[in-house]
Amino acid sequence: MAKRKSEAKILEGTLEAFFETGTEGVIWSFYEAGKKGYEGLHCLEKGDVLRVFNDAAKKEVIFEGKIDLEYKRRYEPYPLNPQYGQQEVFGMWVHGFQRTEDPETWAKMFFDEKPAELIPRPRRTRHPKP
């Protein structure tokens, strides 16, 4: 008997422009409602499906699609180390922009913490259980 693929779980929450010491810039993330700390944090990865709403009433979808970040637009050299650099938007270093979106429009959704739904792509575990 063939195994059925389990239905993808839709997570509800808000977008977050996550950064902390050591991330060296903003990581586009989703924060799952009802969770605390890192338990609720989902850093977006290629293949995740994201739906973003204009407000909490979820009447208007302002973005819907699979995550596919690119790392070339708005690339700036570091002021004190110009042989290296990174992307920036609104004066902040960031890691990637959604290929299909304007960088400022993309970033604003995260800085404004827009309500969203996330269907994470299946992740492989590094240490499978026996």
C-alpha atoms as a PDB file:
ATOM      1  CA  MET A   1       0.000   0.000   0.000  1.00  0.00           C
ATOM      2  CA  ALA A   2       1.433   3.374  -1.016  1.00  0.00           C
ATOM      3  CA  LYS A   3       1.809   6.060   1.625  1.00  0.00           C
ATOM      4  CA  ARG A   4      -0.276   9.188   1.144  1.00  0.00           C
ATOM      5  CA  LYS A   5       1.485  12.493   1.308  1.00  0.00           C
ATOM      6  CA  SER A   6       0.300  14.360   4.363  1.00  0.00           C
ATOM      7  CA  GLU A   7      -1.464  17.599   3.659  1.00  0.00           C
ATOM      8  CA  ALA A   8       0.695  20.659   4.105  1.00  0.00           C
ATOM      9  CA  LYS A   9       0.009  22.531   7.309  1.00  0.00           C
ATOM     10  CA  ILE A  10      -0.858  26.212   6.985  1.00  0.00           C
ATOM     11  CA  LEU A  11       0.742  28.277   9.739  1.00  0.00           C
ATOM     12  CA  GLU A  12      -0.750  31.635  10.725  1.00  0.00           C
ATOM     13  CA  GLY A  13       1.227  34.571  12.040  1.00  0.00           C
ATOM     14  CA  THR A  14       3.049  37.718  11.001  1.00  0.00           C
ATOM     15  CA  LEU A  15       6.073  38.650   8.956  1.00  0.00           C
ATOM     16  CA  GLU A  16       9.220  39.662  10.765  1.00  0.00           C
ATOM     17  CA  ALA A  17      12.416  41.391   9.630  1.00  0.00           C
ATOM     18  CA  PHE A  18      14.509  39.295  12.013  1.00  0.00           C
ATOM     19  CA  PHE A  19      18.053  40.214  12.959  1.00  0.00           C
ATOM     20  CA  GLU A  20      20.316  39.816  15.935  1.00  0.00           C
ATOM     21  CA  THR A  21      24.037  39.886  16.623  1.00  0.00           C
ATOM     22  CA  GLY A  22      25.693  37.470  14.233  1.00  0.00           C
ATOM     23  CA  THR A  23      23.086  37.477  11.466  1.00  0.00           C
ATOM     24  CA  GLU A  24      24.894  40.342   9.723  1.00  0.00           C
ATOM     25  CA  GLY A  25      21.639  41.717   8.374  1.00  0.00           C
ATOM     26  CA  VAL A  26      17.919  41.099   8.183  1.00  0.00           C
ATOM     27  CA  ILE A  27      16.680  37.563   7.561  1.00  0.00           C
ATOM     28  CA  TRP A  28      13.170  37.563   6.079  1.00  0.00           C
ATOM     29  CA  SER A  29      11.099  35.556   8.537  1.00  0.00           C
ATOM     30  CA  PHE A  30       7.629  34.508   9.631  1.00  0.00           C
ATOM     31  CA  TYR A  31       6.579  34.414  13.283  1.00  0.00           C
ATOM     32  CA  GLU A  32       3.969  31.773  14.092  1.00  0.00           C
ATOM     33  CA  ALA A  33       1.038  32.930  16.224  1.00  0.00           C
ATOM     34  CA  GLY A  34       0.766  31.367  19.662  1.00  0.00           C
ATOM     35  CA  LYS A  35       4.439  30.428  19.943  1.00  0.00           C
ATOM     36  CA  LYS A  36       7.141  32.118  22.006  1.00  0.00           C
ATOM     37  CA  GLY A  37      10.769  32.936  21.305  1.00  0.00           C
ATOM     38  CA  TYR A  38      12.669  31.019  18.667  1.00  0.00           C
ATOM     39  CA  GLU A  39       9.994  28.291  18.713  1.00  0.00           C
ATOM     40  CA  GLY A  40       7.738  30.532  16.619  1.00  0.00           C
ATOM     41  CA  LEU A  41      10.418  31.879  14.280  1.00  0.00           C
ATOM     42  CA  HIS A  42      10.557  30.498  10.735  1.00  0.00           C
ATOM     43  CA  CYS A  43      13.318  31.913   8.535  1.00  0.00           C
ATOM     44  CA  LEU A  44      11.972  31.817   4.989  1.00  0.00           C
ATOM     45  CA  GLU A  45      13.617  29.353   2.630  1.00  0.00           C
ATOM     46  CA  LYS A  46      13.357  28.620  -1.071  1.00  0.00           C
ATOM     47  CA  GLY A  47      10.211  26.638  -1.760  1.00  0.00           C
ATOM     48  CA  ASP A  48       8.190  27.859   1.234  1.00  0.00           C
ATOM     49  CA  VAL A  49       4.763  29.154   0.199  1.00  0.00           C
ATOM     50  CA  LEU A  50       3.834  32.537   1.641  1.00  0.00           C
ATOM     51  CA  ARG A  51       0.563  34.480   1.555  1.00  0.00           C
ATOM     52  CA  VAL A  52       0.624  38.034   2.946  1.00  0.00           C
ATOM     53  CA  PHE A  53      -2.431  40.118   3.807  1.00  0.00           C
ATOM     54  CA  ASN A  54      -2.890  43.869   3.936  1.00  0.00           C
ATOM     55  CA  ASP A  55      -4.431  43.783   7.423  1.00  0.00           C
ATOM     56  CA  ALA A  56      -5.616  41.455  10.182  1.00  0.00           C
ATOM     57  CA  ALA A  57      -9.053  41.056   8.553  1.00  0.00           C
ATOM     58  CA  LYS A  58      -7.266  39.172   5.727  1.00  0.00           C
ATOM     59  CA  LYS A  59      -9.504  40.730   3.081  1.00  0.00           C
ATOM     60  CA  GLU A  60      -6.764  41.632   0.633  1.00  0.00           C
ATOM     61  CA  VAL A  61      -3.843  39.411  -0.373  1.00  0.00           C
ATOM     62  CA  ILE A  62      -0.837  41.604  -1.208  1.00  0.00           C
ATOM     63  CA  PHE A  63       1.615  38.782  -1.956  1.00  0.00           C
ATOM     64  CA  GLU A  64       1.225  35.100  -2.660  1.00  0.00           C
ATOM     65  CA  GLY A  65       3.855  32.755  -3.987  1.00  0.00           C
ATOM     66  CA  LYS A  66       6.790  30.425  -3.463  1.00  0.00           C
ATOM     67  CA  ILE A  67       9.861  31.922  -1.860  1.00  0.00           C
ATOM     68  CA  ASP A  68      12.704  32.361  -4.346  1.00  0.00           C
ATOM     69  CA  LEU A  69      15.271  34.870  -3.121  1.00  0.00           C
ATOM     70  CA  GLU A  70      17.992  36.437  -5.282  1.00  0.00           C
ATOM     71  CA  TYR A  71      21.143  38.090  -3.972  1.00  0.00           C
ATOM     72  CA  LYS A  72      22.265  40.682  -6.554  1.00  0.00           C
ATOM     73  CA  ARG A  73      19.834  43.613  -6.631  1.00  0.00           C
ATOM     74  CA  ARG A  74      20.790  46.573  -4.453  1.00  0.00           C
ATOM     75  CA  TYR A  75      24.182  45.075  -3.643  1.00  0.00           C
ATOM     76  CA  GLU A  76      26.413  47.635  -1.912  1.00  0.00           C
ATOM     77  CA  PRO A  77      30.086  47.354  -0.914  1.00  0.00           C
ATOM     78  CA  TYR A  78      30.803  47.584   2.812  1.00  0.00           C
ATOM     79  CA  PRO A  79      32.100  51.107   3.577  1.00  0.00           C
ATOM     80  CA  LEU A  80      35.226  49.937   5.423  1.00  0.00           C
ATOM     81  CA  ASN A  81      35.768  46.736   3.454  1.00  0.00           C
ATOM     82  CA  PRO A  82      34.714  47.498  -0.143  1.00  0.00           C
ATOM     83  CA  GLN A  83      35.915  44.223  -1.654  1.00  0.00           C
ATOM     84  CA  TYR A  84      32.929  42.670   0.168  1.00  0.00           C
ATOM     85  CA  GLY A  85      29.341  43.794   0.420  1.00  0.00           C
ATOM     86  CA  GLN A  86      25.715  42.926   0.820  1.00  0.00           C
ATOM     87  CA  GLN A  87      22.234  43.924  -0.253  1.00  0.00           C
ATOM     88  CA  GLU A  88      20.555  46.831   1.500  1.00  0.00           C
ATOM     89  CA  VAL A  89      17.138  48.419   1.743  1.00  0.00           C
ATOM     90  CA  PHE A  90      15.992  51.356   3.890  1.00  0.00           C
ATOM     91  CA  GLY A  91      19.576  51.666   5.162  1.00  0.00           C
ATOM     92  CA  MET A  92      19.696  48.105   6.521  1.00  0.00           C
ATOM     93  CA  TRP A  93      21.781  45.150   5.353  1.00  0.00           C
ATOM     94  CA  VAL A  94      19.561  42.251   4.225  1.00  0.00           C
ATOM     95  CA  HIS A  95      19.832  38.690   2.930  1.00  0.00           C
ATOM     96  CA  GLY A  96      18.080  38.421  -0.449  1.00  0.00           C
ATOM     97  CA  PHE A  97      14.971  39.782  -2.119  1.00  0.00           C
ATOM     98  CA  GLN A  98      12.031  37.866  -3.554  1.00  0.00           C
ATOM     99  CA  ARG A  99      12.806  37.528  -7.261  1.00  0.00           C
ATOM    100  CA  THR A 100       9.328  38.658  -8.359  1.00  0.00           C
ATOM    101  CA  GLU A 101       9.002  41.696  -6.078  1.00  0.00           C
ATOM    102  CA  ASP A 102      10.338  45.226  -5.841  1.00  0.00           C
ATOM    103  CA  PRO A 103      12.906  45.239  -2.986  1.00  0.00           C
ATOM    104  CA  GLU A 104      11.295  48.145  -1.105  1.00  0.00           C
ATOM    105  CA  THR A 105       7.790  46.673  -1.421  1.00  0.00           C
ATOM    106  CA  TRP A 106       9.111  43.299  -0.239  1.00  0.00           C
ATOM    107  CA  ALA A 107      10.960  44.775   2.751  1.00  0.00           C
ATOM    108  CA  LYS A 108       8.099  47.038   3.829  1.00  0.00           C
ATOM    109  CA  MET A 109       5.796  44.035   4.340  1.00  0.00           C
ATOM    110  CA  PHE A 110       8.274  42.626   6.886  1.00  0.00           C
ATOM    111  CA  PHE A 111       9.072  45.910   8.630  1.00  0.00           C
ATOM    112  CA  ASP A 112       5.298  46.537   8.912  1.00  0.00           C
ATOM    113  CA  GLU A 113       4.822  43.004  10.344  1.00  0.00           C
ATOM    114  CA  LYS A 114       1.976  42.188   7.970  1.00  0.00           C
ATOM    115  CA  PRO A 115      -0.280  39.227   8.834  1.00  0.00           C
ATOM    116  CA  ALA A 116       0.567  36.153   6.810  1.00  0.00           C
ATOM    117  CA  GLU A 117       0.169  32.426   6.272  1.00  0.00           C
ATOM    118  CA  LEU A 118       3.085  30.100   5.651  1.00  0.00           C
ATOM    119  CA  ILE A 119       3.251  26.603   4.231  1.00  0.00           C
ATOM    120  CA  PRO A 120       6.821  25.514   4.951  1.00  0.00           C
ATOM    121  CA  ARG A 121       8.417  23.257   2.375  1.00  0.00           C
ATOM    122  CA  PRO A 122       9.335  19.859   3.791  1.00  0.00           C
ATOM    123  CA  ARG A 123      12.627  20.057   5.668  1.00  0.00           C
ATOM    124  CA  ARG A 124      15.102  17.226   5.915  1.00  0.00           C
ATOM    125  CA  THR A 125      16.339  16.376   9.364  1.00  0.00           C
ATOM    126  CA  ARG A 126      20.073  16.000   9.729  1.00  0.00           C
ATOM    127  CA  HIS A 127      19.794  13.240  12.313  1.00  0.00           C
ATOM    128  CA  PRO A 128      16.898  10.937  11.487  1.00  0.00           C
ATOM    129  CA  LYS A 129      15.350   9.113  14.404  1.00  0.00           C
ATOM    130  CA  PRO A 130      16.063   5.359  14.469  1.00  0.00           C
END
